[in-house]
PDB file of N, CA and C in Angstrom:
ATOM      1  N   UNK A   1     -30.193 -83.708 130.401  1.00  0.00           N
ATOM      2  CA  UNK A   1     -30.761 -83.687 131.735  1.00  0.00           C
ATOM      3  C   UNK A   1     -30.527 -85.033 132.651  1.00  0.00           C
ATOM      4  N   UNK A   2     -30.839 -86.055 131.735  1.00  0.00           N
ATOM      5  CA  UNK A   2     -30.772 -87.390 132.636  1.00  0.00           C
ATOM      6  C   UNK A   2     -29.309 -87.649 132.856  1.00  0.00           C
ATOM      7  N   UNK A   3     -28.253 -87.170 132.079  1.00  0.00           N
ATOM      8  CA  UNK A   3     -26.819 -87.757 132.599  1.00  0.00           C
ATOM      9  C   UNK A   3     -26.318 -86.872 134.120  1.00  0.00           C
ATOM     10  N   UNK A   4     -27.158 -85.475 134.106  1.00  0.00           N
ATOM     11  CA  UNK A   4     -26.737 -84.615 135.187  1.00  0.00           C
ATOM     12  C   UNK A   4     -27.382 -85.213 136.423  1.00  0.00           C
ATOM     13  N   UNK A   5     -28.629 -85.703 136.424  1.00  0.00           N
ATOM     14  CA  UNK A   5     -29.270 -86.326 137.475  1.00  0.00           C
ATOM     15  C   UNK A   5     -28.444 -87.632 137.955  1.00  0.00           C
ATOM     16  N   UNK A   6     -27.865 -88.360 137.005  1.00  0.00           N
ATOM     17  CA  UNK A   6     -27.201 -89.529 137.418  1.00  0.00           C
ATOM     18  C   UNK A   6     -25.775 -88.998 138.104  1.00  0.00           C
ATOM     19  N   UNK A   7     -25.157 -87.911 137.535  1.00  0.00           N
ATOM     20  CA  UNK A   7     -23.946 -87.517 138.027  1.00  0.00           C
ATOM     21  C   UNK A   7     -24.208 -86.888 139.424  1.00  0.00           C
ATOM     22  N   UNK A   8     -25.384 -86.340 139.695  1.00  0.00           N
ATOM     23  CA  UNK A   8     -25.765 -85.600 141.170  1.00  0.00           C
ATOM     24  C   UNK A   8     -26.085 -86.870 142.184  1.00  0.00           C
ATOM     25  N   UNK A   9     -26.706 -87.796 141.726  1.00  0.00           N
ATOM     26  CA  UNK A   9     -26.714 -88.887 142.510  1.00  0.00           C
ATOM     27  C   UNK A   9     -25.514 -89.729 142.965  1.00  0.00           C
ATOM     28  N   UNK A  10     -24.517 -89.886 141.848  1.00  0.00           N
ATOM     29  CA  UNK A  10     -23.209 -90.395 142.235  1.00  0.00           C
ATOM     30  C   UNK A  10     -22.300 -89.589 143.238  1.00  0.00           C
ATOM     31  N   UNK A  11     -22.207 -88.395 143.118  1.00  0.00           N
ATOM     32  CA  UNK A  11     -21.548 -87.291 143.886  1.00  0.00           C
ATOM     33  C   UNK A  11     -22.280 -87.359 145.165  1.00  0.00           C
ATOM     34  N   UNK A  12     -23.327 -87.447 145.494  1.00  0.00           N
ATOM     35  CA  UNK A  12     -24.256 -87.391 146.873  1.00  0.00           C
ATOM     36  C   UNK A  12     -23.706 -88.659 147.371  1.00  0.00           C
ATOM     37  N   UNK A  13     -23.808 -89.929 146.640  1.00  0.00           N
ATOM     38  CA  UNK A  13     -23.361 -91.229 147.421  1.00  0.00           C
ATOM     39  C   UNK A  13     -22.030 -91.170 147.717  1.00  0.00           C
ATOM     40  N   UNK A  14     -21.139 -90.650 146.991  1.00  0.00           N
ATOM     41  CA  UNK A  14     -19.583 -90.317 146.874  1.00  0.00           C
ATOM     42  C   UNK A  14     -19.352 -89.675 148.583  1.00  0.00           C
ATOM     43  N   UNK A  15     -20.273 -88.483 148.417  1.00  0.00           N
ATOM     44  CA  UNK A  15     -19.813 -87.894 149.585  1.00  0.00           C
ATOM     45  C   UNK A  15     -20.262 -88.531 150.798  1.00  0.00           C
ATOM     46  N   UNK A  16     -21.387 -89.134 150.912  1.00  0.00           N
ATOM     47  CA  UNK A  16     -21.900 -89.745 152.161  1.00  0.00           C
ATOM     48  C   UNK A  16     -21.124 -91.215 152.567  1.00  0.00           C
ATOM     49  N   UNK A  17     -20.565 -91.624 151.706  1.00  0.00           N
ATOM     50  CA  UNK A  17     -19.761 -92.660 152.046  1.00  0.00           C
ATOM     51  C   UNK A  17     -18.904 -92.550 152.849  1.00  0.00           C
ATOM     52  N   UNK A  18     -18.315 -93.437 153.921  1.00  0.00           N
ATOM     53  CA  UNK A  18     -17.479 -93.463 154.870  1.00  0.00           C
ATOM     54  C   UNK A  18     -16.022 -94.124 154.124  1.00  0.00           C
ATOM     55  N   UNK A  19     -14.921 -92.892 154.218  1.00  0.00           N
ATOM     56  CA  UNK A  19     -13.641 -93.700 153.744  1.00  0.00           C
ATOM     57  C   UNK A  19     -12.948 -94.555 154.803  1.00  0.00           C
ATOM     58  N   UNK A  20     -13.036 -95.905 154.649  1.00  0.00           N
ATOM     59  CA  UNK A  20     -12.579 -96.877 155.377  1.00  0.00           C
ATOM     60  C   UNK A  20     -11.240 -97.609 154.528  1.00  0.00           C
ATOM     61  N   UNK A  21     -10.133 -98.017 155.192  1.00  0.00           N
ATOM     62  CA  UNK A  21      -9.403 -98.826 154.498  1.00  0.00           C
ATOM     63  C   UNK A  21      -9.503-100.569 154.501  1.00  0.00           C
ATOM     64  N   UNK A  22      -8.953-100.969 153.545  1.00  0.00           N
ATOM     65  CA  UNK A  22      -9.256-102.612 153.489  1.00  0.00           C
ATOM     66  C   UNK A  22      -8.893-103.332 154.597  1.00  0.00           C
ATOM     67  N   UNK A  23      -9.304-104.183 155.188  1.00  0.00           N
ATOM     68  CA  UNK A  23      -9.262-104.986 156.188  1.00  0.00           C
ATOM     69  C   UNK A  23      -7.809-105.635 156.006  1.00  0.00           C
ATOM     70  N   UNK A  24      -7.283-105.930 154.817  1.00  0.00           N
ATOM     71  CA  UNK A  24      -5.840-106.498 154.245  1.00  0.00           C
ATOM     72  C   UNK A  24      -5.002-105.538 154.750  1.00  0.00           C
ATOM     73  N   UNK A  25      -5.186-104.470 154.514  1.00  0.00           N
ATOM     74  CA  UNK A  25      -4.244-103.226 154.782  1.00  0.00           C
ATOM     75  C   UNK A  25      -4.068-103.086 156.365  1.00  0.00           C
ATOM     76  N   UNK A  26      -5.342-103.168 157.009  1.00  0.00           N
ATOM     77  CA  UNK A  26      -5.106-102.892 158.457  1.00  0.00           C
ATOM     78  C   UNK A  26      -4.283-104.045 158.905  1.00  0.00           C
ATOM     79  N   UNK A  27      -4.530-105.182 158.721  1.00  0.00           N
ATOM     80  CA  UNK A  27      -3.920-106.642 159.293  1.00  0.00           C
ATOM     81  C   UNK A  27      -2.356-106.341 159.012  1.00  0.00           C
ATOM     82  N   UNK A  28      -1.924-105.869 157.766  1.00  0.00           N
ATOM     83  CA  UNK A  28      -0.638-105.775 157.400  1.00  0.00           C
ATOM     84  C   UNK A  28       0.203-104.890 158.551  1.00  0.00           C
ATOM     85  N   UNK A  29      -0.680-103.772 158.771  1.00  0.00           N
ATOM     86  CA  UNK A  29       0.096-102.606 159.490  1.00  0.00           C
ATOM     87  C   UNK A  29      -0.048-103.328 160.967  1.00  0.00           C
ATOM     88  N   UNK A  30      -0.902-104.101 161.427  1.00  0.00           N
ATOM     89  CA  UNK A  30      -0.795-104.625 162.727  1.00  0.00           C
ATOM     90  C   UNK A  30       0.295-105.764 163.032  1.00  0.00           C
ATOM     91  N   UNK A  31       0.464-106.549 161.868  1.00  0.00           N
ATOM     92  CA  UNK A  31       1.496-107.310 161.927  1.00  0.00           C
ATOM     93  C   UNK A  31       2.912-106.476 161.990  1.00  0.00           C
ATOM     94  N   UNK A  32       3.071-105.587 161.113  1.00  0.00           N
ATOM     95  CA  UNK A  32       4.307-104.894 161.167  1.00  0.00           C
ATOM     96  C   UNK A  32       4.690-104.201 162.605  1.00  0.00           C
ATOM     97  N   UNK A  33       3.307-103.720 163.367  1.00  0.00           N
ATOM     98  CA  UNK A  33       3.583-103.284 164.584  1.00  0.00           C
ATOM     99  C   UNK A  33       4.302-104.089 165.692  1.00  0.00           C
ATOM    100  N   UNK A  34       3.453-105.399 165.486  1.00  0.00           N
ATOM    101  CA  UNK A  34       4.077-106.799 166.242  1.00  0.00           C
ATOM    102  C   UNK A  34       5.286-107.101 165.821  1.00  0.00           C
ATOM    103  N   UNK A  35       5.662-106.990 164.935  1.00  0.00           N
ATOM    104  CA  UNK A  35       7.188-107.177 164.609  1.00  0.00           C
ATOM    105  C   UNK A  35       8.264-106.158 164.957  1.00  0.00           C
ATOM    106  N   UNK A  36       7.756-105.089 164.795  1.00  0.00           N
ATOM    107  CA  UNK A  36       8.590-104.057 165.594  1.00  0.00           C
ATOM    108  C   UNK A  36       8.979-104.047 166.970  1.00  0.00           C
ATOM    109  N   UNK A  37       7.846-104.258 167.571  1.00  0.00           N
ATOM    110  CA  UNK A  37       8.130-104.483 169.219  1.00  0.00           C
ATOM    111  C   UNK A  37       8.699-105.831 169.516  1.00  0.00           C
ATOM    112  N   UNK A  38       8.367-107.005 168.674  1.00  0.00           N
ATOM    113  CA  UNK A  38       9.573-108.102 168.905  1.00  0.00           C
ATOM    114  C   UNK A  38      10.939-108.038 168.811  1.00  0.00           C
ATOM    115  N   UNK A  39      11.323-106.914 167.856  1.00  0.00           N
ATOM    116  CA  UNK A  39      12.709-107.089 167.402  1.00  0.00           C
ATOM    117  C   UNK A  39      13.272-105.904 168.068  1.00  0.00           C
ATOM    118  N   UNK A  40      12.552-104.981 168.846  1.00  0.00           N
ATOM    119  CA  UNK A  40      12.985-103.690 169.198  1.00  0.00           C
ATOM    120  C   UNK A  40      14.356-103.696 170.069  1.00  0.00           C
ATOM    121  N   UNK A  41      14.204-104.723 171.103  1.00  0.00           N
ATOM    122  CA  UNK A  41      15.278-104.686 171.921  1.00  0.00           C
ATOM    123  C   UNK A  41      16.785-105.428 171.124  1.00  0.00           C
ATOM    124  N   UNK A  42      16.382-106.413 170.276  1.00  0.00           N
ATOM    125  CA  UNK A  42      17.763-107.049 169.648  1.00  0.00           C
ATOM    126  C   UNK A  42      18.244-105.541 168.606  1.00  0.00           C
ATOM    127  N   UNK A  43      16.938-104.987 167.945  1.00  0.00           N
ATOM    128  CA  UNK A  43      17.569-103.618 167.287  1.00  0.00           C
ATOM    129  C   UNK A  43      18.572-102.829 168.017  1.00  0.00           C
ATOM    130  N   UNK A  44      17.969-102.603 168.872  1.00  0.00           N
ATOM    131  CA  UNK A  44      18.717-101.409 169.920  1.00  0.00           C
ATOM    132  C   UNK A  44      20.184-102.176 170.171  1.00  0.00           C
ATOM    133  N   UNK A  45      20.193-103.252 170.511  1.00  0.00           N
ATOM    134  CA  UNK A  45      21.376-103.930 170.883  1.00  0.00           C
ATOM    135  C   UNK A  45      22.317-104.104 169.745  1.00  0.00           C
ATOM    136  N   UNK A  46      21.800-104.466 168.749  1.00  0.00           N
ATOM    137  CA  UNK A  46      22.775-104.506 167.467  1.00  0.00           C
ATOM    138  C   UNK A  46      23.232-103.189 166.929  1.00  0.00           C
ATOM    139  N   UNK A  47      22.586-102.109 167.326  1.00  0.00           N
ATOM    140  CA  UNK A  47      22.908-100.808 166.691  1.00  0.00           C
ATOM    141  C   UNK A  47      23.937-100.368 167.849  1.00  0.00           C
ATOM    142  N   UNK A  48      23.496-100.434 169.086  1.00  0.00           N
ATOM    143  CA  UNK A  48      24.733-100.186 170.040  1.00  0.00           C
ATOM    144  C   UNK A  48      26.050-100.714 169.809  1.00  0.00           C
ATOM    145  N   UNK A  49      26.203-101.801 169.455  1.00  0.00           N
ATOM    146  CA  UNK A  49      27.281-102.806 169.115  1.00  0.00           C
ATOM    147  C   UNK A  49      27.930-102.261 167.940  1.00  0.00           C
ATOM    148  N   UNK A  50      27.134-101.778 167.027  1.00  0.00           N
ATOM    149  CA  UNK A  50      27.775-101.634 165.717  1.00  0.00           C
ATOM    150  C   UNK A  50      27.513-102.661 164.748  1.00  0.00           C
ATOM    151  N   UNK A  51      26.981-103.496 165.181  1.00  0.00           N
ATOM    152  CA  UNK A  51      26.957-104.775 164.275  1.00  0.00           C
ATOM    153  C   UNK A  51      25.795-104.722 163.051  1.00  0.00           C
ATOM    154  N   UNK A  52      26.438-104.058 162.066  1.00  0.00           N
ATOM    155  CA  UNK A  52      25.320-103.587 160.928  1.00  0.00           C
ATOM    156  C   UNK A  52      25.130-104.863 159.898  1.00  0.00           C
ATOM    157  N   UNK A  53      25.757-105.734 159.778  1.00  0.00           N
ATOM    158  CA  UNK A  53      25.444-107.049 159.111  1.00  0.00           C
ATOM    159  C   UNK A  53      24.281-107.821 159.639  1.00  0.00           C
ATOM    160  N   UNK A  54      24.423-107.793 161.031  1.00  0.00           N
ATOM    161  CA  UNK A  54      23.318-108.701 161.811  1.00  0.00           C
ATOM    162  C   UNK A  54      22.090-107.754 161.637  1.00  0.00           C
ATOM    163  N   UNK A  55      22.094-106.716 161.457  1.00  0.00           N
ATOM    164  CA  UNK A  55      21.078-105.654 161.615  1.00  0.00           C
ATOM    165  C   UNK A  55      20.374-105.577 160.221  1.00  0.00           C
ATOM    166  N   UNK A  56      21.162-105.859 159.035  1.00  0.00           N
ATOM    167  CA  UNK A  56      20.329-106.131 157.731  1.00  0.00           C
ATOM    168  C   UNK A  56      19.998-107.510 157.690  1.00  0.00           C
ATOM    169  N   UNK A  57      20.089-108.486 158.419  1.00  0.00           N
ATOM    170  CA  UNK A  57      19.555-109.820 158.203  1.00  0.00           C
ATOM    171  C   UNK A  57      18.119-109.814 159.118  1.00  0.00           C
ATOM    172  N   UNK A  58      17.887-108.707 160.028  1.00  0.00           N
ATOM    173  CA  UNK A  58      16.704-108.787 160.561  1.00  0.00           C
ATOM    174  C   UNK A  58      15.530-108.439 159.353  1.00  0.00           C
ATOM    175  N   UNK A  59      14.381-108.800 159.874  1.00  0.00           N
ATOM    176  CA  UNK A  59      13.099-108.603 158.632  1.00  0.00           C
ATOM    177  C   UNK A  59      13.073-107.238 158.617  1.00  0.00           C
ATOM    178  N   UNK A  60      12.584-106.962 157.288  1.00  0.00           N
ATOM    179  CA  UNK A  60      12.508-105.696 156.811  1.00  0.00           C
ATOM    180  C   UNK A  60      11.527-104.915 157.688  1.00  0.00           C
ATOM    181  N   UNK A  61      10.308-105.594 158.055  1.00  0.00           N
ATOM    182  CA  UNK A  61       9.103-104.990 158.373  1.00  0.00           C
ATOM    183  C   UNK A  61       9.221-104.659 160.140  1.00  0.00           C
ATOM    184  N   UNK A  62      10.540-105.360 160.493  1.00  0.00           N
ATOM    185  CA  UNK A  62      10.886-105.020 161.869  1.00  0.00           C
ATOM    186  C   UNK A  62      11.607-103.684 162.189  1.00  0.00           C
ATOM    187  N   UNK A  63      11.723-102.835 161.001  1.00  0.00           N
ATOM    188  CA  UNK A  63      12.008-101.662 161.283  1.00  0.00           C
ATOM    189  C   UNK A  63      10.895-100.737 161.612  1.00  0.00           C
ATOM    190  N   UNK A  64      11.188 -99.778 163.009  1.00  0.00           N
ATOM    191  CA  UNK A  64       9.978 -98.740 163.153  1.00  0.00           C
ATOM    192  C   UNK A  64       9.704 -97.807 162.145  1.00  0.00           C
ATOM    193  N   UNK A  65      10.528 -97.535 161.144  1.00  0.00           N
ATOM    194  CA  UNK A  65      10.486 -96.511 159.835  1.00  0.00           C
ATOM    195  C   UNK A  65       9.385 -96.988 159.287  1.00  0.00           C
ATOM    196  N   UNK A  66       8.896 -98.331 159.053  1.00  0.00           N
ATOM    197  CA  UNK A  66       8.170 -98.928 158.147  1.00  0.00           C
ATOM    198  C   UNK A  66       6.688 -98.813 158.456  1.00  0.00           C
ATOM    199  N   UNK A  67       6.599 -98.273 159.789  1.00  0.00           N
ATOM    200  CA  UNK A  67       5.164 -98.368 160.226  1.00  0.00           C
ATOM    201  C   UNK A  67       4.473 -96.906 159.703  1.00  0.00           C
ATOM    202  N   UNK A  68       3.162 -97.023 159.368  1.00  0.00           N
ATOM    203  CA  UNK A  68       2.339 -95.773 159.206  1.00  0.00           C
ATOM    204  C   UNK A  68       1.309 -95.478 160.098  1.00  0.00           C
ATOM    205  N   UNK A  69       1.050 -94.079 160.486  1.00  0.00           N
ATOM    206  CA  UNK A  69       0.018 -93.721 161.329  1.00  0.00           C
ATOM    207  C   UNK A  69      -1.339 -93.677 160.614  1.00  0.00           C
ATOM    208  N   UNK A  70      -2.200 -94.489 161.255  1.00  0.00           N
ATOM    209  CA  UNK A  70      -3.378 -94.664 160.575  1.00  0.00           C
ATOM    210  C   UNK A  70      -4.611 -94.165 161.428  1.00  0.00           C
ATOM    211  N   UNK A  71      -5.520 -93.929 160.907  1.00  0.00           N
ATOM    212  CA  UNK A  71      -6.871 -93.485 161.829  1.00  0.00           C
ATOM    213  C   UNK A  71      -7.310 -94.853 162.621  1.00  0.00           C
ATOM    214  N   UNK A  72      -7.496 -94.670 163.960  1.00  0.00           N
ATOM    215  CA  UNK A  72      -7.864 -95.640 164.546  1.00  0.00           C
ATOM    216  C   UNK A  72      -9.219 -95.941 164.482  1.00  0.00           C
ATOM    217  N   UNK A  73     -10.149 -95.337 163.897  1.00  0.00           N
ATOM    218  CA  UNK A  73     -11.620 -95.585 163.445  1.00  0.00           C
ATOM    219  C   UNK A  73     -11.532 -96.441 162.312  1.00  0.00           C
ATOM    220  N   UNK A  74     -11.102 -95.529 161.199  1.00  0.00           N
ATOM    221  CA  UNK A  74     -11.337 -96.097 159.833  1.00  0.00           C
ATOM    222  C   UNK A  74     -10.237 -96.718 159.271  1.00  0.00           C
ATOM    223  N   UNK A  75      -8.890 -96.600 159.691  1.00  0.00           N
ATOM    224  CA  UNK A  75      -7.618 -96.871 159.079  1.00  0.00           C
ATOM    225  C   UNK A  75      -7.277 -96.298 157.961  1.00  0.00           C
ATOM    226  N   UNK A  76      -7.865 -94.893 157.736  1.00  0.00           N
ATOM    227  CA  UNK A  76      -7.086 -93.875 156.782  1.00  0.00           C
ATOM    228  C   UNK A  76      -5.879 -93.776 157.038  1.00  0.00           C
ATOM    229  N   UNK A  77      -5.066 -93.836 156.099  1.00  0.00           N
ATOM    230  CA  UNK A  77      -3.270 -93.412 156.386  1.00  0.00           C
ATOM    231  C   UNK A  77      -3.310 -91.771 155.926  1.00  0.00           C
ATOM    232  N   UNK A  78      -3.875 -91.252 155.297  1.00  0.00           N
ATOM    233  CA  UNK A  78      -3.680 -89.649 155.263  1.00  0.00           C
ATOM    234  C   UNK A  78      -4.609 -88.971 156.022  1.00  0.00           C
ATOM    235  N   UNK A  79      -4.091 -87.572 156.294  1.00  0.00           N
ATOM    236  CA  UNK A  79      -4.936 -86.686 157.109  1.00  0.00           C
ATOM    237  C   UNK A  79      -4.897 -87.097 158.523  1.00  0.00           C
ATOM    238  N   UNK A  80      -4.237 -87.770 158.857  1.00  0.00           N
ATOM    239  CA  UNK A  80      -3.818 -88.304 160.384  1.00  0.00           C
ATOM    240  C   UNK A  80      -3.584 -87.131 161.523  1.00  0.00           C
ATOM    241  N   UNK A  81      -4.034 -86.961 162.359  1.00  0.00           N
ATOM    242  CA  UNK A  81      -4.108 -86.007 163.567  1.00  0.00           C
ATOM    243  C   UNK A  81      -3.386 -86.907 164.508  1.00  0.00           C
ATOM    244  N   UNK A  82      -1.906 -87.020 165.007  1.00  0.00           N
ATOM    245  CA  UNK A  82      -1.494 -87.507 166.005  1.00  0.00           C
ATOM    246  C   UNK A  82      -1.845 -87.108 167.237  1.00  0.00           C
ATOM    247  N   UNK A  83      -2.139 -85.769 167.730  1.00  0.00           N
ATOM    248  CA  UNK A  83      -2.764 -85.515 169.061  1.00  0.00           C
ATOM    249  C   UNK A  83      -4.110 -86.439 169.199  1.00  0.00           C
ATOM    250  N   UNK A  84      -4.705 -86.642 168.406  1.00  0.00           N
ATOM    251  CA  UNK A  84      -5.950 -87.344 168.662  1.00  0.00           C
ATOM    252  C   UNK A  84      -6.209 -88.946 167.837  1.00  0.00           C
ATOM    253  N   UNK A  85      -5.261 -89.248 167.212  1.00  0.00           N
ATOM    254  CA  UNK A  85      -4.960 -90.359 166.735  1.00  0.00           C
ATOM    255  C   UNK A  85      -6.016 -90.858 165.459  1.00  0.00           C
ATOM    256  N   UNK A  86      -6.696 -89.770 165.054  1.00  0.00           N
ATOM    257  CA  UNK A  86      -7.952 -90.274 164.088  1.00  0.00           C
ATOM    258  C   UNK A  86      -7.586 -89.251 162.817  1.00  0.00           C
ATOM    259  N   UNK A  87      -8.270 -89.651 161.740  1.00  0.00           N
ATOM    260  CA  UNK A  87      -8.230 -88.790 160.582  1.00  0.00           C
ATOM    261  C   UNK A  87      -9.085 -87.321 160.771  1.00  0.00           C
ATOM    262  N   UNK A  88      -8.202 -86.331 159.855  1.00  0.00           N
ATOM    263  CA  UNK A  88      -9.113 -85.076 159.754  1.00  0.00           C
ATOM    264  C   UNK A  88     -10.696 -85.172 159.669  1.00  0.00           C
ATOM    265  N   UNK A  89     -11.134 -86.058 158.761  1.00  0.00           N
ATOM    266  CA  UNK A  89     -12.398 -86.309 158.304  1.00  0.00           C
ATOM    267  C   UNK A  89     -13.298 -86.830 159.633  1.00  0.00           C
ATOM    268  N   UNK A  90     -12.684 -87.667 160.229  1.00  0.00           N
ATOM    269  CA  UNK A  90     -13.281 -88.086 161.372  1.00  0.00           C
ATOM    270  C   UNK A  90     -13.380 -87.134 162.652  1.00  0.00           C
ATOM    271  N   UNK A  91     -12.140 -86.490 162.860  1.00  0.00           N
ATOM    272  CA  UNK A  91     -11.889 -85.366 163.794  1.00  0.00           C
ATOM    273  C   UNK A  91     -13.020 -84.350 163.552  1.00  0.00           C
ATOM    274  N   UNK A  92     -13.294 -83.822 162.364  1.00  0.00           N
ATOM    275  CA  UNK A  92     -14.173 -82.802 162.107  1.00  0.00           C
ATOM    276  C   UNK A  92     -15.555 -83.228 162.335  1.00  0.00           C
ATOM    277  N   UNK A  93     -15.992 -84.483 161.913  1.00  0.00           N
ATOM    278  CA  UNK A  93     -17.124 -85.057 162.362  1.00  0.00           C
ATOM    279  C   UNK A  93     -17.710 -85.017 163.665  1.00  0.00           C
ATOM    280  N   UNK A  94     -16.788 -85.574 164.194  1.00  0.00           N
ATOM    281  CA  UNK A  94     -16.827 -85.701 165.878  1.00  0.00           C
ATOM    282  C   UNK A  94     -16.700 -84.529 166.711  1.00  0.00           C
ATOM    283  N   UNK A  95     -15.831 -83.516 166.226  1.00  0.00           N
ATOM    284  CA  UNK A  95     -15.891 -82.239 166.910  1.00  0.00           C
ATOM    285  C   UNK A  95     -17.170 -81.345 166.654  1.00  0.00           C
ATOM    286  N   UNK A  96     -17.982 -81.512 165.270  1.00  0.00           N
ATOM    287  CA  UNK A  96     -19.184 -80.916 165.212  1.00  0.00           C
ATOM    288  C   UNK A  96     -20.373 -81.225 166.074  1.00  0.00           C
ATOM    289  N   UNK A  97     -20.070 -82.485 166.207  1.00  0.00           N
ATOM    290  CA  UNK A  97     -21.149 -83.427 167.053  1.00  0.00           C
ATOM    291  C   UNK A  97     -20.860 -83.163 168.464  1.00  0.00           C
ATOM    292  N   UNK A  98     -19.730 -82.567 168.932  1.00  0.00           N
ATOM    293  CA  UNK A  98     -19.382 -82.226 170.349  1.00  0.00           C
ATOM    294  C   UNK A  98     -18.873 -83.536 170.965  1.00  0.00           C
ATOM    295  N   UNK A  99     -18.285 -84.601 170.266  1.00  0.00           N
ATOM    296  CA  UNK A  99     -17.883 -85.780 170.998  1.00  0.00           C
ATOM    297  C   UNK A  99     -16.382 -85.715 171.303  1.00  0.00           C
ATOM    298  N   UNK A 100     -15.642 -84.755 170.895  1.00  0.00           N
ATOM    299  CA  UNK A 100     -14.229 -84.474 171.554  1.00  0.00           C
ATOM    300  C   UNK A 100     -14.069 -83.365 172.624  1.00  0.00           C
ATOM    301  N   UNK A 101     -14.105 -83.647 173.709  1.00  0.00           N
ATOM    302  CA  UNK A 101     -13.898 -82.733 174.855  1.00  0.00           C
ATOM    303  C   UNK A 101     -12.861 -81.517 174.617  1.00  0.00           C
ATOM    304  N   UNK A 102     -13.437 -80.191 174.909  1.00  0.00           N
ATOM    305  CA  UNK A 102     -12.807 -79.155 174.766  1.00  0.00           C
ATOM    306  C   UNK A 102     -12.506 -78.447 173.350  1.00  0.00           C
ATOM    307  N   UNK A 103     -12.762 -79.335 172.310  1.00  0.00           N
ATOM    308  CA  UNK A 103     -12.926 -78.872 170.696  1.00  0.00           C
ATOM    309  C   UNK A 103     -14.211 -78.114 170.571  1.00  0.00           C
ATOM    310  N   UNK A 104     -13.879 -76.820 170.273  1.00  0.00           N
ATOM    311  CA  UNK A 104     -15.203 -76.142 169.753  1.00  0.00           C
ATOM    312  C   UNK A 104     -14.932 -75.564 168.285  1.00  0.00           C
ATOM    313  N   UNK A 105     -15.930 -75.274 167.443  1.00  0.00           N
ATOM    314  CA  UNK A 105     -15.510 -74.700 166.155  1.00  0.00           C
ATOM    315  C   UNK A 105     -15.227 -72.989 166.605  1.00  0.00           C
ATOM    316  N   UNK A 106     -14.006 -72.885 165.955  1.00  0.00           N
ATOM    317  CA  UNK A 106     -13.712 -71.341 165.851  1.00  0.00           C
ATOM    318  C   UNK A 106     -14.783 -70.370 165.539  1.00  0.00           C
ATOM    319  N   UNK A 107     -14.743 -69.169 165.966  1.00  0.00           N
ATOM    320  CA  UNK A 107     -15.648 -68.405 165.453  1.00  0.00           C
ATOM    321  C   UNK A 107     -14.998 -66.875 165.719  1.00  0.00           C
ATOM    322  N   UNK A 108     -14.802 -65.849 164.887  1.00  0.00           N
ATOM    323  CA  UNK A 108     -14.321 -64.802 165.305  1.00  0.00           C
ATOM    324  C   UNK A 108     -14.765 -63.427 164.726  1.00  0.00           C
TER     325      UNK A 108
END
């Protein structure tokens, strides 16, 4: 019986805990976004000229392909909803509280 009580409390805290990305991961993503913005014009120019060698010499993280969509509130990388810019978990919580205008729970 004792081990079930421990398991139950563990699961309860696991469910209640907010899923938040590490600050270092968020910072890395911001750094990538800045690099993409910085080299966007140069990258477009090199692509237009067909200068593939010079394009190869640009920093890896200056490529927009390396950016990853993240939740604006928690930084969660998975379950991201583009239309709202947040993860599905935060979307569900906010929608149930009525914090997102025009979104209601479906009933039929």
